[in-house]
C-alpha atoms as a PDB file:
ATOM      1  CA  MET A   1     -13.220 -92.438 -42.630  1.00  0.00           C
ATOM      2  CA  ILE A   2     -13.032 -94.445 -45.855  1.00  0.00           C
ATOM      3  CA  LEU A   3     -16.497 -94.935 -47.422  1.00  0.00           C
ATOM      4  CA  GLU A   4     -17.723 -97.858 -49.487  1.00  0.00           C
ATOM      5  CA  ILE A   5     -17.797 -96.985 -53.174  1.00  0.00           C
ATOM      6  CA  LEU A   6     -20.866 -98.324 -55.008  1.00  0.00           C
ATOM      7  CA  GLU A   7     -19.886-100.297 -58.134  1.00  0.00           C
ATOM      8  CA  TYR A   8     -21.753-100.687 -61.480  1.00  0.00           C
ATOM      9  CA  PRO A   9     -24.371-102.162 -62.065  1.00  0.00           C
ATOM     10  CA  ASP A  10     -25.669-101.235 -58.425  1.00  0.00           C
ATOM     11  CA  PRO A  11     -29.057 -99.599 -59.026  1.00  0.00           C
ATOM     12  CA  ARG A  12     -28.453 -97.229 -56.030  1.00  0.00           C
ATOM     13  CA  LEU A  13     -26.049 -95.464 -58.573  1.00  0.00           C
ATOM     14  CA  ARG A  14     -29.053 -94.470 -60.523  1.00  0.00           C
ATOM     15  CA  THR A  15     -30.580 -92.432 -57.735  1.00  0.00           C
ATOM     16  CA  ILE A  16     -30.964 -88.637 -58.416  1.00  0.00           C
ATOM     17  CA  ALA A  17     -29.170 -86.539 -55.720  1.00  0.00           C
ATOM     18  CA  LYS A  18     -30.974 -83.715 -54.012  1.00  0.00           C
ATOM     19  CA  PRO A  19     -29.704 -80.183 -53.648  1.00  0.00           C
ATOM     20  CA  VAL A  20     -27.956 -79.302 -50.440  1.00  0.00           C
ATOM     21  CA  GLY A  21     -29.680 -76.424 -48.552  1.00  0.00           C
ATOM     22  CA  GLU A  22     -27.597 -74.932 -45.908  1.00  0.00           C
ATOM     23  CA  VAL A  23     -24.270 -76.668 -45.684  1.00  0.00           C
ATOM     24  CA  THR A  24     -23.912 -78.407 -42.151  1.00  0.00           C
ATOM     25  CA  ASP A  25     -21.135 -79.874 -40.100  1.00  0.00           C
ATOM     26  CA  ALA A  26     -22.410 -83.192 -41.210  1.00  0.00           C
ATOM     27  CA  ASP A  27     -21.938 -82.201 -44.829  1.00  0.00           C
ATOM     28  CA  ARG A  28     -18.284 -81.083 -44.170  1.00  0.00           C
ATOM     29  CA  THR A  29     -17.552 -84.448 -42.344  1.00  0.00           C
ATOM     30  CA  LEU A  30     -19.097 -86.176 -45.377  1.00  0.00           C
ATOM     31  CA  ILE A  31     -16.778 -84.094 -47.738  1.00  0.00           C
ATOM     32  CA  ASP A  32     -13.726 -84.877 -45.594  1.00  0.00           C
ATOM     33  CA  ASP A  33     -14.563 -88.561 -45.829  1.00  0.00           C
ATOM     34  CA  MET A  34     -15.110 -88.388 -49.562  1.00  0.00           C
ATOM     35  CA  PHE A  35     -11.640 -86.783 -49.967  1.00  0.00           C
ATOM     36  CA  GLU A  36     -10.165 -89.585 -47.925  1.00  0.00           C
ATOM     37  CA  THR A  37     -12.076 -92.204 -49.937  1.00  0.00           C
ATOM     38  CA  MET A  38     -11.054 -90.687 -53.317  1.00  0.00           C
ATOM     39  CA  TYR A  39      -7.405 -90.258 -52.328  1.00  0.00           C
ATOM     40  CA  ASP A  40      -7.318 -94.002 -51.096  1.00  0.00           C
ATOM     41  CA  ALA A  41      -9.145 -95.370 -54.199  1.00  0.00           C
ATOM     42  CA  PRO A  42      -7.046 -93.542 -55.862  1.00  0.00           C
ATOM     43  CA  GLY A  43      -9.174 -91.235 -57.955  1.00  0.00           C
ATOM     44  CA  ILE A  44      -9.519 -87.516 -59.081  1.00  0.00           C
ATOM     45  CA  GLY A  45     -13.176 -87.028 -58.588  1.00  0.00           C
ATOM     46  CA  LEU A  46     -16.004 -88.511 -56.334  1.00  0.00           C
ATOM     47  CA  ALA A  47     -19.697 -87.784 -56.224  1.00  0.00           C
ATOM     48  CA  ALA A  48     -21.704 -88.239 -52.977  1.00  0.00           C
ATOM     49  CA  SER A  49     -23.915 -90.560 -54.980  1.00  0.00           C
ATOM     50  CA  GLN A  50     -21.113 -92.978 -55.493  1.00  0.00           C
ATOM     51  CA  VAL A  51     -20.857 -93.467 -51.704  1.00  0.00           C
ATOM     52  CA  ASN A  52     -24.697 -93.841 -51.365  1.00  0.00           C
ATOM     53  CA  VAL A  53     -25.431 -90.415 -50.077  1.00  0.00           C
ATOM     54  CA  HIS A  54     -27.720 -88.850 -52.438  1.00  0.00           C
ATOM     55  CA  LYS A  55     -26.837 -85.150 -52.071  1.00  0.00           C
ATOM     56  CA  GLN A  56     -25.420 -82.757 -54.878  1.00  0.00           C
ATOM     57  CA  ILE A  57     -21.873 -82.896 -53.488  1.00  0.00           C
ATOM     58  CA  VAL A  58     -18.701 -83.400 -55.641  1.00  0.00           C
ATOM     59  CA  VAL A  59     -15.004 -83.461 -54.445  1.00  0.00           C
ATOM     60  CA  MET A  60     -12.177 -83.362 -56.981  1.00  0.00           C
ATOM     61  CA  ASP A  61      -8.445 -82.972 -56.948  1.00  0.00           C
ATOM     62  CA  LEU A  62      -6.778 -83.017 -60.420  1.00  0.00           C
ATOM     63  CA  SER A  63      -3.180 -82.455 -59.032  1.00  0.00           C
ATOM     64  CA  ASP A  64      -0.390 -85.061 -58.964  1.00  0.00           C
ATOM     65  CA  ASP A  65       0.185 -84.568 -55.400  1.00  0.00           C
ATOM     66  CA  ASN A  66      -3.287 -84.215 -53.945  1.00  0.00           C
ATOM     67  CA  SER A  67      -2.575 -80.529 -53.304  1.00  0.00           C
ATOM     68  CA  GLU A  68      -5.699 -79.014 -54.941  1.00  0.00           C
ATOM     69  CA  PRO A  69      -8.795 -80.244 -53.266  1.00  0.00           C
ATOM     70  CA  ARG A  70     -11.928 -78.695 -54.764  1.00  0.00           C
ATOM     71  CA  VAL A  71     -15.526 -78.961 -53.451  1.00  0.00           C
ATOM     72  CA  PHE A  72     -18.638 -78.385 -55.593  1.00  0.00           C
ATOM     73  CA  ILE A  73     -22.041 -78.249 -53.909  1.00  0.00           C
ATOM     74  CA  ASN A  74     -25.109 -77.988 -56.143  1.00  0.00           C
ATOM     75  CA  PRO A  75     -22.971 -77.696 -59.210  1.00  0.00           C
ATOM     76  CA  THR A  76     -24.249 -76.348 -62.488  1.00  0.00           C
ATOM     77  CA  VAL A  77     -22.561 -75.967 -65.758  1.00  0.00           C
ATOM     78  CA  GLU A  78     -23.026 -73.339 -68.529  1.00  0.00           C
ATOM     79  CA  VAL A  79     -21.562 -74.220 -71.900  1.00  0.00           C
ATOM     80  CA  LEU A  80     -19.498 -71.547 -73.280  1.00  0.00           C
ATOM     81  CA  ASP A  81     -18.973 -73.101 -76.695  1.00  0.00           C
ATOM     82  CA  GLY A  82     -20.201 -76.281 -78.270  1.00  0.00           C
ATOM     83  CA  ASP A  83     -16.957 -77.933 -78.986  1.00  0.00           C
ATOM     84  CA  LEU A  84     -16.596 -81.352 -77.718  1.00  0.00           C
ATOM     85  CA  GLU A  85     -13.549 -83.090 -76.485  1.00  0.00           C
ATOM     86  CA  ALA A  86     -13.203 -86.912 -76.513  1.00  0.00           C
ATOM     87  CA  MET A  87     -11.187 -87.906 -73.334  1.00  0.00           C
ATOM     88  CA  GLN A  88     -10.632 -91.324 -71.960  1.00  0.00           C
ATOM     89  CA  GLU A  89     -12.625 -91.700 -68.776  1.00  0.00           C
ATOM     90  CA  GLY A  90     -12.535 -94.175 -66.045  1.00  0.00           C
ATOM     91  CA  CYS A  91     -14.678 -94.298 -62.887  1.00  0.00           C
ATOM     92  CA  LEU A  92     -14.241 -95.462 -59.338  1.00  0.00           C
ATOM     93  CA  SER A  93     -17.651 -97.103 -59.653  1.00  0.00           C
ATOM     94  CA  VAL A  94     -16.652 -98.831 -62.847  1.00  0.00           C
ATOM     95  CA  PRO A  95     -13.169-100.025 -61.768  1.00  0.00           C
ATOM     96  CA  GLY A  96     -10.702-101.273 -64.242  1.00  0.00           C
ATOM     97  CA  PHE A  97     -12.523 -99.862 -67.490  1.00  0.00           C
ATOM     98  CA  TYR A  98     -11.474 -96.961 -69.559  1.00  0.00           C
ATOM     99  CA  GLU A  99     -13.270 -95.726 -72.562  1.00  0.00           C
ATOM    100  CA  ASP A 100     -13.324 -92.386 -74.745  1.00  0.00           C
ATOM    101  CA  VAL A 101     -16.321 -90.168 -73.983  1.00  0.00           C
ATOM    102  CA  GLU A 102     -17.061 -86.932 -75.693  1.00  0.00           C
ATOM    103  CA  ARG A 103     -18.051 -83.964 -73.437  1.00  0.00           C
ATOM    104  CA  ILE A 104     -18.147 -80.234 -73.622  1.00  0.00           C
ATOM    105  CA  GLU A 105     -14.678 -78.751 -73.469  1.00  0.00           C
ATOM    106  CA  HIS A 106     -15.295 -75.204 -72.277  1.00  0.00           C
ATOM    107  CA  CYS A 107     -17.746 -74.215 -69.624  1.00  0.00           C
ATOM    108  CA  ILE A 108     -18.520 -72.171 -66.441  1.00  0.00           C
ATOM    109  CA  ILE A 109     -19.099 -74.076 -63.206  1.00  0.00           C
ATOM    110  CA  ARG A 110     -21.291 -72.500 -60.592  1.00  0.00           C
ATOM    111  CA  ALA A 111     -21.467 -74.203 -57.120  1.00  0.00           C
ATOM    112  CA  LYS A 112     -21.087 -73.555 -53.356  1.00  0.00           C
ATOM    113  CA  ASP A 113     -17.773 -74.478 -51.490  1.00  0.00           C
ATOM    114  CA  ARG A 114     -17.542 -76.448 -48.290  1.00  0.00           C
ATOM    115  CA  ASP A 115     -18.730 -73.462 -46.400  1.00  0.00           C
ATOM    116  CA  GLY A 116     -21.712 -72.857 -48.620  1.00  0.00           C
ATOM    117  CA  ALA A 117     -20.211 -69.754 -50.268  1.00  0.00           C
ATOM    118  CA  PRO A 118     -21.235 -69.551 -53.941  1.00  0.00           C
ATOM    119  CA  PHE A 119     -18.370 -69.323 -56.513  1.00  0.00           C
ATOM    120  CA  GLU A 120     -17.949 -69.482 -60.270  1.00  0.00           C
ATOM    121  CA  ILE A 121     -14.963 -70.791 -62.251  1.00  0.00           C
ATOM    122  CA  GLU A 122     -14.283 -71.061 -66.035  1.00  0.00           C
ATOM    123  CA  ALA A 123     -13.105 -74.638 -66.870  1.00  0.00           C
ATOM    124  CA  ARG A 124     -11.406 -76.075 -69.886  1.00  0.00           C
ATOM    125  CA  GLY A 125     -10.007 -79.661 -70.572  1.00  0.00           C
ATOM    126  CA  LEU A 126      -9.870 -82.134 -67.742  1.00  0.00           C
ATOM    127  CA  LEU A 127     -11.628 -79.880 -65.167  1.00  0.00           C
ATOM    128  CA  ALA A 128     -14.547 -79.325 -67.593  1.00  0.00           C
ATOM    129  CA  VAL A 129     -14.696 -83.016 -68.345  1.00  0.00           C
ATOM    130  CA  CYS A 130     -14.368 -84.210 -64.829  1.00  0.00           C
ATOM    131  CA  ILE A 131     -17.136 -81.881 -63.431  1.00  0.00           C
ATOM    132  CA  GLN A 132     -19.509 -83.132 -66.095  1.00  0.00           C
ATOM    133  CA  HIS A 133     -18.591 -86.779 -65.250  1.00  0.00           C
ATOM    134  CA  GLU A 134     -19.248 -86.220 -61.506  1.00  0.00           C
ATOM    135  CA  MET A 135     -22.467 -84.203 -62.313  1.00  0.00           C
ATOM    136  CA  ASP A 136     -23.687 -87.188 -64.257  1.00  0.00           C
ATOM    137  CA  HIS A 137     -23.437 -89.232 -61.130  1.00  0.00           C
ATOM    138  CA  LEU A 138     -25.613 -86.788 -59.276  1.00  0.00           C
ATOM    139  CA  ASN A 139     -28.153 -87.235 -62.052  1.00  0.00           C
ATOM    140  CA  GLY A 140     -28.001 -91.076 -61.784  1.00  0.00           C
ATOM    141  CA  LYS A 141     -25.960 -91.430 -64.972  1.00  0.00           C
ATOM    142  CA  LEU A 142     -22.597 -93.244 -65.522  1.00  0.00           C
ATOM    143  CA  PHE A 143     -19.983 -92.847 -68.246  1.00  0.00           C
ATOM    144  CA  VAL A 144     -20.928 -96.435 -69.568  1.00  0.00           C
ATOM    145  CA  ASP A 145     -24.300 -94.921 -70.683  1.00  0.00           C
ATOM    146  CA  TYR A 146     -22.346 -92.951 -73.393  1.00  0.00           C
ATOM    147  CA  LEU A 147     -20.988 -96.226 -74.713  1.00  0.00           C
ATOM    148  CA  SER A 148     -22.586 -98.776 -77.267  1.00  0.00           C
ATOM    149  CA  THR A 149     -24.932-101.312 -75.727  1.00  0.00           C
ATOM    150  CA  LEU A 150     -22.485-104.060 -76.648  1.00  0.00           C
ATOM    151  CA  LYS A 151     -19.681-102.352 -74.705  1.00  0.00           C
ATOM    152  CA  ARG A 152     -21.889-101.426 -71.822  1.00  0.00           C
ATOM    153  CA  ASN A 153     -23.265-105.120 -71.433  1.00  0.00           C
ATOM    154  CA  ARG A 154     -19.654-106.400 -71.755  1.00  0.00           C
ATOM    155  CA  ILE A 155     -18.482-104.234 -68.859  1.00  0.00           C
ATOM    156  CA  ARG A 156     -21.665-105.067 -66.700  1.00  0.00           C
ATOM    157  CA  LYS A 157     -21.234-108.873 -67.256  1.00  0.00           C
ATOM    158  CA  LYS A 158     -17.388-108.618 -66.321  1.00  0.00           C
ATOM    159  CA  LEU A 159     -18.154-106.666 -63.020  1.00  0.00           C
ATOM    160  CA  GLU A 160     -21.118-108.774 -62.105  1.00  0.00           C
ATOM    161  CA  LYS A 161     -18.853-111.943 -62.492  1.00  0.00           C
ATOM    162  CA  PHE A 162     -16.023-110.238 -60.453  1.00  0.00           C
ATOM    163  CA  HIS A 163     -18.548-109.358 -57.674  1.00  0.00           C
ATOM    164  CA  LYS A 164     -19.942-112.910 -57.660  1.00  0.00           C
ATOM    165  CA  GLN A 165     -16.509-114.431 -57.166  1.00  0.00           C
ATOM    166  CA  SER A 166     -15.578-111.824 -54.596  1.00  0.00           C
ATOM    167  CA  ALA A 167     -18.700-112.555 -52.534  1.00  0.00           C
END
């Protein structure tokens, strides 16, 4: 089922997600719906917070052909070196806007998979950046928060105008 993606400046995007205890069938259904929503959008990552479910669940697929779905439940990141990489980011909750954001380039991600089994992977480049972007959503933060106040306000006003015209 395709879910509604909340769009900035919706205040629900600022809600901090709660950790998932035991992974349930309802969580797995949510994960499937999140993948369907992300692929339909189209995007490469989606946090449950973006579909107004405030659980620490992230789905991601960085492949060109949607062949590498990844699930991260209760993700954490350990920085392996302090090098930052500036990468242009976009967001399904901030449609049509892309800006450079600096993030840690090399980290270890620890999480649970869709069945609740813990795992750990070393991440560099796009994977490292993407998990940090999605984890920000779980903490009520958006990529626009890294921008200047002027840029952030410009984006907010344009999206508010678009939402008003669409209503």
